[in-house]
Amino acid sequence: MEKLPFAFVVVFLLFSFMFLSNSYKLWFKTDEYYRDLYASLTNEKIPLPFKSFFLRRLENKKSWLFWQKAFSLLGFVAVVGMDVLVVRAYLG
């Protein structure tokens, strides 16, 4: 198998960094993250599909927070695991 292109590895790691950055905000700056998300969903100037669906999910903050953190843990394991595999494929 050929080596992965360096550009692919860099882009992959940048997307991973975006996920990890959002997870950090969720876990350690929860109130600020929640306010930013709520503000973006209630901004009338930004046309977002399924806006009402996501706003309904935000109504119960405790439930929203529980499920966000649960999926964040799953995502963290998946993202870090894939990062390791992609870097190993590039180096190997």
Protein backbone atom coordinates (compact mmCIF):
# COMPACT_ATOMS: atom_id res chain seq x y z
CA MET A 1 0.00 0.00 0.00
CA GLU A 2 1.24 3.47 -0.82
CA LYS A 3 1.96 6.08 1.78
CA LEU A 4 -0.85 8.56 2.55
CA PRO A 5 -0.34 12.05 1.10
CA PHE A 6 0.95 14.56 3.64
CA ALA A 7 -1.84 17.03 2.75
CA PHE A 8 -4.47 14.42 3.62
CA VAL A 9 -2.86 13.81 7.02
CA VAL A 10 -2.72 17.56 7.77
CA VAL A 11 -6.36 18.14 6.77
CA PHE A 12 -7.46 15.09 8.76
CA LEU A 13 -5.62 16.32 11.85
CA LEU A 14 -7.10 19.83 11.43
CA PHE A 15 -10.63 18.43 11.44
CA SER A 16 -9.71 16.37 14.50
CA PHE A 17 -8.43 19.52 16.20
CA MET A 18 -11.77 21.26 15.47
CA PHE A 19 -13.65 18.41 17.14
CA LEU A 20 -11.30 18.35 20.12
CA SER A 21 -11.56 22.13 20.48
CA ASN A 22 -15.35 21.97 20.58
CA SER A 23 -15.18 19.08 23.05
CA TYR A 24 -12.88 21.13 25.28
CA LYS A 25 -15.40 24.00 25.24
CA LEU A 26 -18.22 21.59 26.04
CA TRP A 27 -16.42 20.04 29.01
CA PHE A 28 -14.56 23.00 30.49
CA LYS A 29 -16.43 26.11 29.32
CA THR A 30 -19.92 24.65 29.34
CA ASP A 31 -21.95 27.79 30.09
CA GLU A 32 -20.14 29.84 27.45
CA TYR A 33 -20.51 27.01 24.91
CA TYR A 34 -24.23 26.70 25.67
CA ARG A 35 -24.79 30.48 25.38
CA ASP A 36 -22.91 30.67 22.06
CA LEU A 37 -24.85 27.76 20.63
CA TYR A 38 -28.18 29.17 21.79
CA ALA A 39 -27.32 32.62 20.42
CA SER A 40 -26.40 31.22 17.03
CA LEU A 41 -29.65 29.24 16.85
CA THR A 42 -31.82 32.21 17.83
CA ASN A 43 -30.11 34.62 15.42
CA GLU A 44 -32.70 35.36 12.74
CA LYS A 45 -30.07 36.51 10.24
CA ILE A 46 -28.53 33.06 9.99
CA PRO A 47 -30.68 30.63 7.99
CA LEU A 48 -30.12 27.21 9.53
CA PRO A 49 -32.06 24.08 8.57
CA PHE A 50 -33.76 22.26 11.45
CA LYS A 51 -33.31 25.29 13.73
CA SER A 52 -36.50 24.59 15.70
CA PHE A 53 -35.47 20.94 16.18
CA PHE A 54 -32.17 21.94 17.79
CA LEU A 55 -33.75 24.70 19.87
CA ARG A 56 -36.18 22.16 21.35
CA ARG A 57 -33.21 20.00 22.35
CA LEU A 58 -31.60 22.95 24.13
CA GLU A 59 -34.70 23.67 26.24
CA ASN A 60 -33.81 21.00 28.80
CA LYS A 61 -30.20 21.98 29.52
CA LYS A 62 -29.42 19.07 31.87
CA SER A 63 -30.57 16.46 29.37
CA TRP A 64 -28.83 18.25 26.51
CA LEU A 65 -25.61 18.43 28.52
CA PHE A 66 -25.73 14.75 29.49
CA TRP A 67 -26.19 13.55 25.90
CA GLN A 68 -23.63 15.99 24.48
CA LYS A 69 -21.01 14.81 26.94
CA ALA A 70 -21.86 11.13 26.37
CA PHE A 71 -21.46 11.47 22.60
CA SER A 72 -18.40 13.64 23.12
CA LEU A 73 -16.69 10.79 24.98
CA LEU A 74 -17.50 8.37 22.19
CA GLY A 75 -16.31 10.88 19.62
CA PHE A 76 -13.10 11.53 21.53
CA VAL A 77 -12.20 7.83 21.52
CA ALA A 78 -13.05 7.53 17.80
CA VAL A 79 -11.19 10.69 16.76
CA VAL A 80 -8.02 9.97 18.72
CA GLY A 81 -8.07 6.36 17.52
CA MET A 82 -8.38 7.42 13.90
CA ASP A 83 -5.67 10.06 14.35
CA VAL A 84 -3.30 7.35 15.57
CA LEU A 85 -4.19 5.10 12.65
CA VAL A 86 -3.78 7.87 10.05
CA VAL A 87 -0.40 8.96 11.44
CA ARG A 88 0.78 5.34 11.62
CA ALA A 89 -0.33 4.78 8.01
CA TYR A 90 1.56 7.88 6.95
CA LEU A 91 4.73 6.95 8.82
CA GLY A 92 4.60 3.26 8.02
